[in-house]
C-alpha cells in the first residue's frame, strides 16, 4: 500500500515520531510519502494568514488548501492533528482509509498559548474550547476510519468515536543504544532534554542544580534564561544522531539523572506523555519528576523519584547501587510499555486492519 502522511511540520525537519513511522512502514513493504510544510509559518500568504488568525490559530488553512490542490494519490492517509482537521473531509473520497493522529489535546493547548498572548480571551475559554472540541469530534466520527493517540488520556476523551490505537512515543534512542551501547561514568550529573521553558519547569530545574551543585546538561530550544554558571551547559536542538553522540561523551564521565518537571498549566500538559521521559528510560536514566499524571505513573513504577523526595534524590546521587537498581527498573518499564516493537505493532495494526 501507499501511505501518505500529512503534517504541518516543516518538510526539511520531520520530527522523530514521523521519521520512525516512515521507517516502520517502509520496512513492512509499504510505500510512504510525507507531505510537510514547504515554508515556515511566518511565510504563509497574507489572506490565509488572516484566515488563520480569524480561526484563532487552530487551523493551518494555507497547508490545508495546498495539500488539497496537490491531490496526492495513495491508499492510506495519516493526517496529523487538529491543525489539518478540515483536510479529513477533502481526503475522504481519495483514500481507502483515513487515519487521524493526534499527540496532544490541541484544543486546550492551542487556547492556552493563545490566552497567554491575548488575556482578554479568558472569559471565552470554555465556549471556544467546546466549539473547537466538538468540531474535532464531529470530523473524527464522520471522516476518519481510525484514530491514533499518544496517551491513555486522549483515548479517554476521543477513543469512543472510532476504532482507536494508543500508540505512545517510543524513543529513537532505543535503536542507537543497540548499535552503540553507552557505558556510564561514576560522577553524578543532571540531564534535561527538550524545550527549556517556564511551562516545562525550567526555573525549578535551575533551583535543583543550584541546591545539589551538580553539573546540568540542557539540550533543546531555550525559552528561559540559562544562567552563566560553570556547572550549567546548554546546547541547542540538534539532529538525533548528533545528540546521541553528545550523550555518549557525557556518559563516559557521568551517571546521569534526568529531570522532567512539566507544569500542569493546561489540560494537555497535565495529562500527556512527555517524550523526554521515554528518552530517559530507554537509556536507563532514572529521573526526578513531579506528580503530573503520566510522570507519577513512571515514578511509582520505580523509575525515579519525586522532586520533594530529597532523601531519594540524595540516594540517586550518592548511592551507586540504588542508582543501578532504579536504572534497571527504568529499562524494564520502557520495554514493557514504550518500546519500538510495541510502537511498530500498534502502527501496523492501525494501517492494515479494516
Foldseek 3Di string as FASTA:
>chain_A
DEEEEEDAAAPVQDDPVVVLLCVLQVVVPYHYHYHYDPDDPVPQDPVQVVVCVVLVVQENVSSLVVVLVVLDADAEYEYEDRRNLVSLVSCQVRYNAYEYEYEWLCLWVSVVVSCVVPVVCVVCNVVSSVVSVVVSLVSCLPRHQEYEYAAVVVCVSRVVRHPYFHQHAADPVLVVCVVPPAAAAAAEAEEEEEEQAVQFPNVVVVVVCVVVVHAYEYEEHYPDDDDDDPRYHYDYHDDPVVVVVVVSVVRRHHQYEYETERHPPIPGSLAGDDNVLNVCLSNLHAYEYAVRPVVVVLVVLLQYYYPPPVVRVVCCRPPVVSSNVNSVSSPVCCVVPRHSVSSSVSSVCRVPPD
